[in-house]
Protein backbone atom coordinates (compact mmCIF):
# COMPACT_ATOMS: atom_id res chain seq x y z
CA MET A 1 -30.53 12.30 72.98
CA GLN A 2 -27.65 10.35 71.41
CA LYS A 3 -25.87 12.30 68.70
CA PRO A 4 -25.08 10.49 65.44
CA LEU A 5 -21.82 8.85 64.44
CA ILE A 6 -19.13 10.88 62.66
CA VAL A 7 -16.36 9.13 60.70
CA ILE A 8 -13.00 10.86 60.22
CA THR A 9 -10.13 9.54 58.10
CA GLY A 10 -6.55 10.66 58.61
CA ALA A 11 -7.44 11.48 62.20
CA SER A 12 -4.04 10.91 63.80
CA SER A 13 -2.72 14.45 63.28
CA GLY A 14 -3.38 17.85 61.74
CA ILE A 15 -6.85 18.69 60.46
CA GLY A 16 -8.22 15.23 61.21
CA GLU A 17 -7.09 15.32 64.83
CA ALA A 18 -8.36 18.87 65.34
CA THR A 19 -11.73 17.94 63.83
CA ALA A 20 -11.98 14.85 66.02
CA ARG A 21 -11.35 16.92 69.12
CA GLN A 22 -14.03 19.45 68.16
CA PHE A 23 -16.73 16.91 67.38
CA SER A 24 -15.90 14.91 70.50
CA ALA A 25 -16.22 18.03 72.64
CA LEU A 26 -19.69 18.50 71.15
CA GLY A 27 -20.68 14.99 72.23
CA TYR A 28 -20.56 13.11 68.93
CA PRO A 29 -19.48 9.47 68.88
CA LEU A 30 -16.59 8.96 66.50
CA LEU A 31 -14.97 6.40 64.27
CA LEU A 32 -11.38 7.52 63.78
CA LEU A 33 -9.31 5.92 61.04
CA ALA A 34 -5.59 6.24 60.41
CA ARG A 35 -2.50 4.14 59.83
CA ARG A 36 -0.95 5.31 63.13
CA VAL A 37 -3.58 3.88 65.44
CA GLU A 38 -1.50 4.47 68.56
CA ARG A 39 -1.87 8.21 68.01
CA LEU A 40 -5.63 7.83 67.77
CA HIS A 41 -5.73 6.00 71.10
CA ALA A 42 -3.50 8.67 72.64
CA LEU A 43 -6.20 11.28 71.99
CA GLY A 44 -8.25 9.61 74.74
CA LEU A 45 -11.60 10.73 73.34
CA PRO A 46 -14.81 9.26 74.81
CA GLN A 47 -17.35 7.36 72.67
CA THR A 48 -14.64 6.74 70.09
CA ILE A 49 -13.63 3.69 68.11
CA CYS A 50 -10.08 3.89 66.74
CA ARG A 51 -9.00 1.58 63.96
CA GLN A 52 -5.82 1.16 61.97
CA VAL A 53 -7.12 1.53 58.44
CA ASP A 54 -5.38 2.52 55.23
CA VAL A 55 -7.99 4.39 53.18
CA THR A 56 -6.83 2.57 50.05
CA ASP A 57 -8.18 -0.65 51.60
CA ALA A 58 -11.91 -0.48 50.96
CA ALA A 59 -12.69 -3.74 52.77
CA SER A 60 -10.99 -2.61 55.98
CA MET A 61 -12.83 0.68 55.84
CA ARG A 62 -16.19 -1.05 55.43
CA ALA A 63 -15.41 -3.44 58.29
CA ALA A 64 -14.51 -0.60 60.66
CA LEU A 65 -17.66 1.28 59.68
CA ALA A 66 -19.85 -1.77 60.30
CA GLU A 67 -18.32 -2.17 63.76
CA ALA A 68 -18.89 1.48 64.66
CA GLU A 69 -22.44 1.54 63.31
CA ALA A 70 -23.26 -1.57 65.33
CA GLU A 71 -22.31 0.35 68.48
CA PHE A 72 -23.37 3.93 67.71
CA GLY A 73 -25.92 3.69 64.91
CA PRO A 74 -25.66 4.86 61.30
CA ALA A 75 -22.92 7.25 60.25
CA ASP A 76 -24.40 10.70 59.71
CA ALA A 77 -21.19 12.15 58.28
CA ILE A 78 -17.82 11.16 56.93
CA ILE A 79 -14.93 13.58 56.77
CA ASN A 80 -12.56 12.31 54.10
CA ASN A 81 -9.42 14.01 55.33
CA ALA A 82 -6.61 11.49 54.76
CA GLY A 83 -4.12 12.71 52.16
CA VAL A 84 -0.50 12.89 51.11
CA MET A 85 1.39 15.78 49.49
CA LEU A 86 4.53 14.79 47.59
CA LEU A 87 5.77 17.86 45.75
CA SER A 88 8.31 17.90 42.96
CA GLU A 89 8.80 18.60 39.28
CA VAL A 90 7.17 15.92 37.14
CA ALA A 91 10.39 15.20 35.22
CA LYS A 92 12.28 14.53 38.46
CA GLN A 93 9.68 12.74 40.52
CA ASP A 94 9.56 9.02 41.17
CA ALA A 95 6.40 7.64 39.56
CA ALA A 96 5.70 5.71 42.76
CA GLU A 97 4.98 9.05 44.43
CA TRP A 98 2.37 9.84 41.79
CA GLN A 99 0.72 6.50 42.46
CA SER A 100 0.73 7.10 46.21
CA MET A 101 -1.04 10.43 45.81
CA LEU A 102 -3.58 9.01 43.38
CA ASP A 103 -4.24 6.04 45.67
CA VAL A 104 -4.72 8.03 48.88
CA ASN A 105 -6.04 11.39 47.67
CA VAL A 106 -8.46 10.10 45.05
CA HIS A 107 -9.13 6.38 45.56
CA GLY A 108 -9.12 6.81 49.34
CA VAL A 109 -11.77 9.52 49.12
CA LEU A 110 -13.86 7.32 46.82
CA ASN A 111 -13.56 4.43 49.27
CA GLY A 112 -14.81 6.65 52.08
CA ILE A 113 -17.71 7.90 49.99
CA HIS A 114 -18.68 4.41 48.90
CA ALA A 115 -18.59 3.03 52.44
CA VAL A 116 -21.30 5.41 53.69
CA LEU A 117 -23.24 6.47 50.62
CA GLY A 118 -25.66 3.55 50.27
CA GLY A 119 -26.88 3.93 53.84
CA MET A 120 -27.23 7.69 53.54
CA LEU A 121 -29.28 7.38 50.36
CA ALA A 122 -31.54 4.78 51.96
CA ARG A 123 -32.08 7.00 55.03
CA ARG A 124 -32.32 10.15 52.90
CA HIS A 125 -29.95 11.87 55.31
CA GLY A 126 -26.21 12.35 55.66
CA THR A 127 -23.24 14.55 54.92
CA ILE A 128 -20.04 13.78 53.02
CA ILE A 129 -17.24 16.26 53.63
CA ASN A 130 -14.19 15.98 51.41
CA VAL A 131 -11.05 17.85 52.43
CA SER A 132 -9.45 19.10 49.24
CA SER A 133 -7.21 22.16 48.87
CA ILE A 134 -6.83 25.49 47.13
CA ALA A 135 -4.56 23.30 44.97
CA GLY A 136 -7.80 21.76 43.72
CA ARG A 137 -8.81 25.10 42.24
CA LYS A 138 -5.55 26.50 40.86
CA THR A 139 -2.05 25.26 40.11
CA PHE A 140 1.22 25.92 41.93
CA PRO A 141 4.87 25.26 41.02
CA ASN A 142 5.99 21.68 41.80
CA HIS A 143 2.38 20.67 42.52
CA ALA A 144 1.38 19.12 39.17
CA VAL A 145 0.31 15.66 40.33
CA TYR A 146 -0.84 16.82 43.76
CA CYS A 147 -2.99 19.48 42.09
CA GLY A 148 -4.32 16.81 39.76
CA THR A 149 -5.50 14.72 42.69
CA LYS A 150 -7.13 17.67 44.39
CA PHE A 151 -8.79 18.88 41.18
CA ALA A 152 -10.19 15.34 41.07
CA VAL A 153 -11.56 15.66 44.60
CA HIS A 154 -13.28 18.90 43.64
CA ALA A 155 -14.79 17.37 40.50
CA ILE A 156 -15.91 14.17 42.20
CA SER A 157 -17.45 16.12 45.07
CA GLU A 158 -19.43 18.49 42.88
CA ASN A 159 -20.67 15.81 40.51
CA LEU A 160 -21.61 13.58 43.45
CA ARG A 161 -23.44 16.48 45.08
CA GLU A 162 -25.58 16.81 41.96
CA GLU A 163 -26.30 13.06 41.93
CA VAL A 164 -27.42 12.82 45.55
CA SER A 165 -29.02 16.21 46.15
CA GLY A 166 -32.48 14.82 45.39
CA HIS A 167 -31.97 12.25 48.17
CA ASP A 168 -31.29 14.96 50.79
CA VAL A 169 -27.63 13.97 51.15
CA ARG A 170 -25.11 16.81 51.31
CA VAL A 171 -21.64 16.85 49.76
CA ILE A 172 -19.26 19.57 50.95
CA THR A 173 -15.76 20.45 49.81
CA ILE A 174 -13.30 22.12 52.20
CA ALA A 175 -10.42 23.82 50.36
CA PRO A 176 -7.75 25.21 52.69
CA GLY A 177 -4.62 27.04 51.66
CA ALA A 178 -1.34 26.46 53.51
CA VAL A 179 -1.94 24.85 56.90
CA GLU A 180 0.55 24.17 59.68
CA THR A 181 0.40 20.36 59.67
CA GLU A 182 2.66 17.37 59.00
CA LEU A 183 1.60 17.25 55.35
CA LEU A 184 4.72 18.90 53.94
CA SER A 185 6.90 16.35 55.74
CA HIS A 186 5.77 13.74 53.20
CA THR A 187 7.65 15.59 50.43
CA THR A 188 10.97 13.88 49.72
CA ASP A 189 12.38 16.60 47.44
CA GLU A 190 14.50 18.59 49.91
CA ALA A 191 14.82 21.68 47.70
CA VAL A 192 11.10 21.88 47.14
CA ARG A 193 10.35 21.30 50.81
CA SER A 194 12.70 24.05 51.98
CA GLY A 195 11.36 26.40 49.34
CA TYR A 196 7.82 25.77 50.54
CA GLU A 197 8.84 26.38 54.15
CA GLU A 198 10.47 29.67 53.17
CA TRP A 199 7.30 30.68 51.30
CA LYS A 200 5.29 30.02 54.45
CA ARG A 201 7.71 31.98 56.63
CA ASN A 202 7.65 34.99 54.31
CA MET A 203 3.88 34.93 54.26
CA GLY A 204 3.55 35.04 58.02
CA PRO A 205 1.22 32.82 60.06
CA VAL A 206 -0.62 30.25 57.94
CA LEU A 207 -3.81 28.47 58.92
CA ARG A 208 -3.90 26.32 62.03
CA ALA A 209 -5.53 22.92 61.81
CA GLU A 210 -8.11 24.06 64.37
CA GLU A 211 -9.22 26.85 62.03
CA VAL A 212 -9.92 24.37 59.25
CA ALA A 213 -11.76 22.18 61.76
CA ASP A 214 -13.91 25.21 62.61
CA ALA A 215 -14.96 25.42 58.95
CA ILE A 216 -15.77 21.70 58.83
CA ARG A 217 -17.87 21.92 61.98
CA TYR A 218 -19.69 25.02 60.71
CA ALA A 219 -20.58 23.37 57.40
CA TYR A 220 -21.81 20.20 59.08
CA GLN A 221 -23.89 21.98 61.71
CA ALA A 222 -25.91 23.94 59.16
CA PRO A 223 -29.47 22.61 58.89
CA GLN A 224 -29.69 19.51 56.69
CA HIS A 225 -31.61 21.43 54.03
CA VAL A 226 -28.64 23.84 53.73
CA CYS A 227 -25.63 22.56 51.77
CA ILE A 228 -22.59 24.77 52.05
CA ARG A 229 -21.10 23.38 48.87
CA GLU A 230 -17.56 24.65 49.28
CA ILE A 231 -15.50 26.59 51.80
CA VAL A 232 -12.23 28.08 50.59
CA LEU A 233 -10.05 29.48 53.36
CA ALA A 234 -6.47 30.63 53.63
CA ALA A 235 -4.25 32.94 55.63
CA THR A 236 -5.06 36.57 54.87
CA ARG A 237 -1.50 37.08 53.61
CA GLN A 238 -1.56 34.09 51.28
CA PRO A 239 -1.69 35.75 47.84
CA ALA A 240 -2.46 32.70 45.70
């Protein structure tokens, strides 16, 4: 029996790539979205459509989804994983970096939700998984705007879950702590970036992307009548 379509944003590296590999190994057809489409193609996954889509472009996201659904059937899940982390003190940071985080981390998640939600409500079936962060639950130094975007993801996810629960659609928040991915490389403040790297080194091994993907897969594979509302995970030695 054909498994349903899974959509993953930010799938060209890190958590998105690891999640794509896991779901592909389980036989799910995939729609992978990212700006670096060549890296999506390089994954070489079967039953996969790869499209160069910026999550801030709602029309492009809807077009890619329509193409994938025409081939594989309705999307049963979207994993809104695309995000940017630009850390700095508010007084020092370029306002363009705030806008970038708001556009990708908040508006991009909303675009992903909106692309699939109507169909899921009509079918009374589906799962929306939003990748947030522990920074969506508590604050950290130099994280003010980033935390703001992730607090927003948490709030949107929980309120949306309440709205759609009566339609048998699940909304799940994944909140990892420090993960070994390319995310920190987005930060342009050299002092903050090196301080974060030192914090990770002193803490010992942080999460691997595959370990976050494990949590995503676990939450999705629960029976549809079970909504694992939030998973918070971090390295054992991460104190905050």
